[in-house]
């Protein structure tokens, strides 16, 4: 996954932090659900994890190529 857009490093950093917080909440929510009852689970968590990792990679690239 490649992220393209007109984001500042601070905006990407904030988005990545917020997404990490959200994924922590989802983990706790899922832990509280009845085993086998996936009907109330939030949307595709794996896709959100991939997005979070892509944000981290993009931030790392920005930080390591900064003049």
PDB file of N, CA and C in Angstrom:
ATOM      1  N   UNK A   1       0.856  -1.173   0.000  1.00  0.00           N
ATOM      2  CA  UNK A   1       0.000   0.000   0.000  1.00  0.00           C
ATOM      3  C   UNK A   1       0.897   1.228   0.000  1.00  0.00           C
ATOM      4  N   UNK A   2       0.653   2.126  -0.913  1.00  0.00           N
ATOM      5  CA  UNK A   2       1.398   3.374  -0.978  1.00  0.00           C
ATOM      6  C   UNK A   2       0.432   4.514  -0.700  1.00  0.00           C
ATOM      7  N   UNK A   3       0.890   5.446   0.092  1.00  0.00           N
ATOM      8  CA  UNK A   3       0.058   6.594   0.449  1.00  0.00           C
ATOM      9  C   UNK A   3       0.554   7.800  -0.332  1.00  0.00           C
ATOM     10  N   UNK A   4      -0.344   8.418  -1.053  1.00  0.00           N
ATOM     11  CA  UNK A   4      -0.011   9.620  -1.796  1.00  0.00           C
ATOM     12  C   UNK A   4      -1.006  10.707  -1.437  1.00  0.00           C
ATOM     13  N   UNK A   5      -0.522  11.897  -1.336  1.00  0.00           N
ATOM     14  CA  UNK A   5      -1.401  13.011  -1.023  1.00  0.00           C
ATOM     15  C   UNK A   5      -0.599  14.178  -0.511  1.00  0.00           C
ATOM     16  N   UNK A   6      -1.270  15.260  -0.296  1.00  0.00           N
ATOM     17  CA  UNK A   6      -0.636  16.469   0.205  1.00  0.00           C
ATOM     18  C   UNK A   6      -0.809  16.549   1.714  1.00  0.00           C
ATOM     19  N   UNK A   7      -0.031  15.744   2.420  1.00  0.00           N
ATOM     20  CA  UNK A   7      -0.069  15.725   3.881  1.00  0.00           C
ATOM     21  C   UNK A   7       1.249  16.254   4.415  1.00  0.00           C
ATOM     22  N   UNK A   8       1.175  17.008   5.482  1.00  0.00           N
ATOM     23  CA  UNK A   8       2.406  17.392   6.162  1.00  0.00           C
ATOM     24  C   UNK A   8       2.846  16.211   7.027  1.00  0.00           C
ATOM     25  N   UNK A   9       4.085  16.242   7.447  1.00  0.00           N
ATOM     26  CA  UNK A   9       4.577  15.178   8.323  1.00  0.00           C
ATOM     27  C   UNK A   9       3.792  15.158   9.626  1.00  0.00           C
ATOM     28  N   UNK A  10       3.442  16.319  10.143  1.00  0.00           N
ATOM     29  CA  UNK A  10       2.652  16.385  11.380  1.00  0.00           C
ATOM     30  C   UNK A  10       1.264  15.782  11.192  1.00  0.00           C
ATOM     31  N   UNK A  11       0.646  16.020  10.029  1.00  0.00           N
ATOM     32  CA  UNK A  11      -0.672  15.436   9.753  1.00  0.00           C
ATOM     33  C   UNK A  11      -0.589  13.916   9.662  1.00  0.00           C
ATOM     34  N   UNK A  12       0.430  13.412   8.970  1.00  0.00           N
ATOM     35  CA  UNK A  12       0.599  11.958   8.881  1.00  0.00           C
ATOM     36  C   UNK A  12       0.858  11.355  10.254  1.00  0.00           C
ATOM     37  N   UNK A  13       1.684  12.019  11.037  1.00  0.00           N
ATOM     38  CA  UNK A  13       1.995  11.530  12.378  1.00  0.00           C
ATOM     39  C   UNK A  13       0.741  11.492  13.244  1.00  0.00           C
ATOM     40  N   UNK A  14      -0.069  12.547  13.187  1.00  0.00           N
ATOM     41  CA  UNK A  14      -1.311  12.579  13.957  1.00  0.00           C
ATOM     42  C   UNK A  14      -2.289  11.502  13.517  1.00  0.00           C
ATOM     43  N   UNK A  15      -2.418  11.330  12.205  1.00  0.00           N
ATOM     44  CA  UNK A  15      -3.313  10.295  11.676  1.00  0.00           C
ATOM     45  C   UNK A  15      -2.859   8.906  12.102  1.00  0.00           C
ATOM     46  N   UNK A  16      -1.562   8.665  12.022  1.00  0.00           N
ATOM     47  CA  UNK A  16      -1.031   7.355  12.409  1.00  0.00           C
ATOM     48  C   UNK A  16      -1.254   7.109  13.898  1.00  0.00           C
ATOM     49  N   UNK A  17      -1.053   8.111  14.729  1.00  0.00           N
ATOM     50  CA  UNK A  17      -1.289   7.953  16.173  1.00  0.00           C
ATOM     51  C   UNK A  17      -2.766   7.687  16.468  1.00  0.00           C
ATOM     52  N   UNK A  18      -3.644   8.431  15.796  1.00  0.00           N
ATOM     53  CA  UNK A  18      -5.082   8.224  15.994  1.00  0.00           C
ATOM     54  C   UNK A  18      -5.508   6.831  15.537  1.00  0.00           C
ATOM     55  N   UNK A  19      -4.951   6.368  14.435  1.00  0.00           N
ATOM     56  CA  UNK A  19      -5.285   5.039  13.931  1.00  0.00           C
ATOM     57  C   UNK A  19      -4.794   3.959  14.894  1.00  0.00           C
ATOM     58  N   UNK A  20      -3.624   4.154  15.480  1.00  0.00           N
ATOM     59  CA  UNK A  20      -3.121   3.210  16.485  1.00  0.00           C
ATOM     60  C   UNK A  20      -4.055   3.149  17.687  1.00  0.00           C
ATOM     61  N   UNK A  21      -4.519   4.306  18.147  1.00  0.00           N
ATOM     62  CA  UNK A  21      -5.469   4.346  19.265  1.00  0.00           C
ATOM     63  C   UNK A  21      -6.759   3.618  18.913  1.00  0.00           C
ATOM     64  N   UNK A  22      -7.246   3.855  17.694  1.00  0.00           N
ATOM     65  CA  UNK A  22      -8.467   3.202  17.240  1.00  0.00           C
ATOM     66  C   UNK A  22      -8.300   1.681  17.215  1.00  0.00           C
ATOM     67  N   UNK A  23      -7.168   1.209  16.709  1.00  0.00           N
ATOM     68  CA  UNK A  23      -6.940  -0.236  16.647  1.00  0.00           C
ATOM     69  C   UNK A  23      -6.847  -0.847  18.046  1.00  0.00           C
ATOM     70  N   UNK A  24      -6.299  -0.103  19.001  1.00  0.00           N
ATOM     71  CA  UNK A  24      -6.290  -0.584  20.394  1.00  0.00           C
ATOM     72  C   UNK A  24      -7.711  -0.711  20.913  1.00  0.00           C
ATOM     73  N   UNK A  25      -8.554   0.277  20.621  1.00  0.00           N
ATOM     74  CA  UNK A  25      -9.952   0.216  21.047  1.00  0.00           C
ATOM     75  C   UNK A  25     -10.644  -0.990  20.421  1.00  0.00           C
ATOM     76  N   UNK A  26     -10.426  -1.218  19.133  1.00  0.00           N
ATOM     77  CA  UNK A  26     -11.054  -2.347  18.443  1.00  0.00           C
ATOM     78  C   UNK A  26     -10.628  -3.667  19.086  1.00  0.00           C
ATOM     79  N   UNK A  27      -9.367  -3.772  19.449  1.00  0.00           N
ATOM     80  CA  UNK A  27      -8.883  -4.995  20.097  1.00  0.00           C
ATOM     81  C   UNK A  27      -9.648  -5.234  21.407  1.00  0.00           C
ATOM     82  N   UNK A  28      -9.813  -4.196  22.206  1.00  0.00           N
ATOM     83  CA  UNK A  28     -10.563  -4.329  23.455  1.00  0.00           C
ATOM     84  C   UNK A  28     -12.034  -4.629  23.209  1.00  0.00           C
ATOM     85  N   UNK A  29     -12.617  -3.982  22.205  1.00  0.00           N
ATOM     86  CA  UNK A  29     -14.016  -4.235  21.852  1.00  0.00           C
ATOM     87  C   UNK A  29     -14.207  -5.690  21.458  1.00  0.00           C
ATOM     88  N   UNK A  30     -13.332  -6.174  20.593  1.00  0.00           N
ATOM     89  CA  UNK A  30     -13.436  -7.563  20.140  1.00  0.00           C
ATOM     90  C   UNK A  30     -13.246  -8.543  21.290  1.00  0.00           C
ATOM     91  N   UNK A  31     -12.383  -8.209  22.228  1.00  0.00           N
ATOM     92  CA  UNK A  31     -12.160  -9.082  23.375  1.00  0.00           C
ATOM     93  C   UNK A  31     -13.417  -9.190  24.238  1.00  0.00           C
ATOM     94  N   UNK A  32     -14.210  -8.127  24.261  1.00  0.00           N
ATOM     95  CA  UNK A  32     -15.425  -8.129  25.065  1.00  0.00           C
ATOM     96  C   UNK A  32     -16.625  -8.768  24.392  1.00  0.00           C
ATOM     97  N   UNK A  33     -16.506  -9.081  23.112  1.00  0.00           N
ATOM     98  CA  UNK A  33     -17.623  -9.689  22.384  1.00  0.00           C
ATOM     99  C   UNK A  33     -17.726 -11.180  22.705  1.00  0.00           C
ATOM    100  N   UNK A  34     -18.912 -11.698  22.545  1.00  0.00           N
ATOM    101  CA  UNK A  34     -19.129 -13.136  22.727  1.00  0.00           C
ATOM    102  C   UNK A  34     -18.322 -13.894  21.674  1.00  0.00           C
ATOM    103  N   UNK A  35     -17.708 -14.977  22.074  1.00  0.00           N
ATOM    104  CA  UNK A  35     -16.960 -15.811  21.132  1.00  0.00           C
ATOM    105  C   UNK A  35     -17.907 -16.312  20.055  1.00  0.00           C
ATOM    106  N   UNK A  36     -17.514 -16.138  18.802  1.00  0.00           N
ATOM    107  CA  UNK A  36     -18.321 -16.610  17.689  1.00  0.00           C
ATOM    108  C   UNK A  36     -19.366 -15.624  17.221  1.00  0.00           C
ATOM    109  N   UNK A  37     -19.505 -14.487  17.915  1.00  0.00           N
ATOM    110  CA  UNK A  37     -20.490 -13.485  17.493  1.00  0.00           C
ATOM    111  C   UNK A  37     -19.760 -12.341  16.805  1.00  0.00           C
ATOM    112  N   UNK A  38     -19.493 -12.508  15.518  1.00  0.00           N
ATOM    113  CA  UNK A  38     -18.751 -11.500  14.765  1.00  0.00           C
ATOM    114  C   UNK A  38     -19.661 -10.429  14.184  1.00  0.00           C
ATOM    115  N   UNK A  39     -20.961 -10.509  14.421  1.00  0.00           N
ATOM    116  CA  UNK A  39     -21.884  -9.576  13.789  1.00  0.00           C
ATOM    117  C   UNK A  39     -21.664  -8.128  14.237  1.00  0.00           C
ATOM    118  N   UNK A  40     -21.167  -7.930  15.451  1.00  0.00           N
ATOM    119  CA  UNK A  40     -20.982  -6.574  15.937  1.00  0.00           C
ATOM    120  C   UNK A  40     -19.559  -6.061  15.807  1.00  0.00           C
ATOM    121  N   UNK A  41     -18.678  -6.858  15.224  1.00  0.00           N
ATOM    122  CA  UNK A  41     -17.292  -6.441  15.098  1.00  0.00           C
ATOM    123  C   UNK A  41     -17.174  -5.259  14.147  1.00  0.00           C
ATOM    124  N   UNK A  42     -16.273  -4.336  14.450  1.00  0.00           N
ATOM    125  CA  UNK A  42     -16.028  -3.235  13.516  1.00  0.00           C
ATOM    126  C   UNK A  42     -15.521  -3.752  12.169  1.00  0.00           C
ATOM    127  N   UNK A  43     -15.563  -2.874  11.181  1.00  0.00           N
ATOM    128  CA  UNK A  43     -15.170  -3.232   9.822  1.00  0.00           C
ATOM    129  C   UNK A  43     -13.781  -3.850   9.747  1.00  0.00           C
ATOM    130  N   UNK A  44     -13.334  -4.108   8.582  1.00  0.00           N
ATOM    131  CA  UNK A  44     -12.100  -4.835   8.285  1.00  0.00           C
ATOM    132  C   UNK A  44     -10.885  -4.309   9.056  1.00  0.00           C
ATOM    133  N   UNK A  45     -10.612  -4.922  10.184  1.00  0.00           N
ATOM    134  CA  UNK A  45      -9.508  -4.499  11.040  1.00  0.00           C
ATOM    135  C   UNK A  45      -8.175  -4.733  10.340  1.00  0.00           C
ATOM    136  N   UNK A  46      -8.058  -5.821   9.601  1.00  0.00           N
ATOM    137  CA  UNK A  46      -6.801  -6.119   8.912  1.00  0.00           C
ATOM    138  C   UNK A  46      -6.464  -5.013   7.908  1.00  0.00           C
ATOM    139  N   UNK A  47      -7.451  -4.481   7.212  1.00  0.00           N
ATOM    140  CA  UNK A  47      -7.209  -3.383   6.278  1.00  0.00           C
ATOM    141  C   UNK A  47      -6.726  -2.134   7.023  1.00  0.00           C
ATOM    142  N   UNK A  48      -7.298  -1.879   8.198  1.00  0.00           N
ATOM    143  CA  UNK A  48      -6.855  -0.742   9.003  1.00  0.00           C
ATOM    144  C   UNK A  48      -5.421  -0.939   9.490  1.00  0.00           C
ATOM    145  N   UNK A  49      -5.068  -2.179   9.826  1.00  0.00           N
ATOM    146  CA  UNK A  49      -3.687  -2.463  10.237  1.00  0.00           C
ATOM    147  C   UNK A  49      -2.719  -2.218   9.085  1.00  0.00           C
ATOM    148  N   UNK A  50      -3.108  -2.634   7.881  1.00  0.00           N
ATOM    149  CA  UNK A  50      -2.247  -2.402   6.713  1.00  0.00           C
ATOM    150  C   UNK A  50      -2.082  -0.904   6.456  1.00  0.00           C
ATOM    151  N   UNK A  51      -3.158  -0.146   6.609  1.00  0.00           N
ATOM    152  CA  UNK A  51      -3.084   1.303   6.445  1.00  0.00           C
ATOM    153  C   UNK A  51      -2.162   1.907   7.493  1.00  0.00           C
ATOM    154  N   UNK A  52      -2.271   1.459   8.723  1.00  0.00           N
ATOM    155  CA  UNK A  52      -1.426   1.954   9.800  1.00  0.00           C
ATOM    156  C   UNK A  52       0.049   1.675   9.507  1.00  0.00           C
ATOM    157  N   UNK A  53       0.348   0.474   9.030  1.00  0.00           N
ATOM    158  CA  UNK A  53       1.730   0.135   8.689  1.00  0.00           C
ATOM    159  C   UNK A  53       2.230   0.980   7.522  1.00  0.00           C
ATOM    160  N   UNK A  54       1.367   1.245   6.551  1.00  0.00           N
ATOM    161  CA  UNK A  54       1.755   2.086   5.419  1.00  0.00           C
ATOM    162  C   UNK A  54       2.059   3.511   5.892  1.00  0.00           C
ATOM    163  N   UNK A  55       1.264   4.013   6.824  1.00  0.00           N
ATOM    164  CA  UNK A  55       1.528   5.339   7.385  1.00  0.00           C
ATOM    165  C   UNK A  55       2.873   5.362   8.114  1.00  0.00           C
ATOM    166  N   UNK A  56       3.148   4.324   8.870  1.00  0.00           N
ATOM    167  CA  UNK A  56       4.426   4.252   9.593  1.00  0.00           C
ATOM    168  C   UNK A  56       5.604   4.222   8.621  1.00  0.00           C
ATOM    169  N   UNK A  57       5.462   3.446   7.519  1.00  0.00           N
ATOM    170  CA  UNK A  57       6.530   3.397   6.520  1.00  0.00           C
ATOM    171  C   UNK A  57       6.742   4.763   5.878  1.00  0.00           C
ATOM    172  N   UNK A  58       5.652   5.436   5.528  1.00  0.00           N
ATOM    173  CA  UNK A  58       5.740   6.752   4.908  1.00  0.00           C
ATOM    174  C   UNK A  58       6.404   7.754   5.850  1.00  0.00           C
ATOM    175  N   UNK A  59       6.034   7.711   7.118  1.00  0.00           N
ATOM    176  CA  UNK A  59       6.656   8.599   8.102  1.00  0.00           C
ATOM    177  C   UNK A  59       8.138   8.302   8.250  1.00  0.00           C
ATOM    178  N   UNK A  60       8.491   7.030   8.258  1.00  0.00           N
ATOM    179  CA  UNK A  60       9.895   6.639   8.366  1.00  0.00           C
ATOM    180  C   UNK A  60      10.689   7.168   7.171  1.00  0.00           C
ATOM    181  N   UNK A  61      10.112   7.041   5.970  1.00  0.00           N
ATOM    182  CA  UNK A  61      10.779   7.560   4.769  1.00  0.00           C
ATOM    183  C   UNK A  61      10.981   9.073   4.857  1.00  0.00           C
ATOM    184  N   UNK A  62       9.955   9.779   5.337  1.00  0.00           N
ATOM    185  CA  UNK A  62      10.071  11.225   5.482  1.00  0.00           C
ATOM    186  C   UNK A  62      11.153  11.600   6.478  1.00  0.00           C
ATOM    187  N   UNK A  63      11.237  10.862   7.569  1.00  0.00           N
ATOM    188  CA  UNK A  63      12.207  11.176   8.612  1.00  0.00           C
ATOM    189  C   UNK A  63      13.633  10.830   8.206  1.00  0.00           C
ATOM    190  N   UNK A  64      13.812   9.783   7.410  1.00  0.00           N
ATOM    191  CA  UNK A  64      15.151   9.360   7.042  1.00  0.00           C
ATOM    192  C   UNK A  64      15.683  10.102   5.808  1.00  0.00           C
ATOM    193  N   UNK A  65      14.799  10.716   5.019  1.00  0.00           N
ATOM    194  CA  UNK A  65      15.240  11.457   3.835  1.00  0.00           C
ATOM    195  C   UNK A  65      15.214  12.957   4.063  1.00  0.00           C
ATOM    196  N   UNK A  66      14.910  13.368   5.269  1.00  0.00           N
ATOM    197  CA  UNK A  66      14.831  14.797   5.607  1.00  0.00           C
ATOM    198  C   UNK A  66      16.228  15.421   5.539  1.00  0.00           C
ATOM    199  N   UNK A  67      16.366  16.561   4.819  1.00  0.00           N
ATOM    200  CA  UNK A  67      17.698  17.188   4.708  1.00  0.00           C
ATOM    201  C   UNK A  67      18.195  17.768   6.015  1.00  0.00           C
TER     202      UNK A  67
END
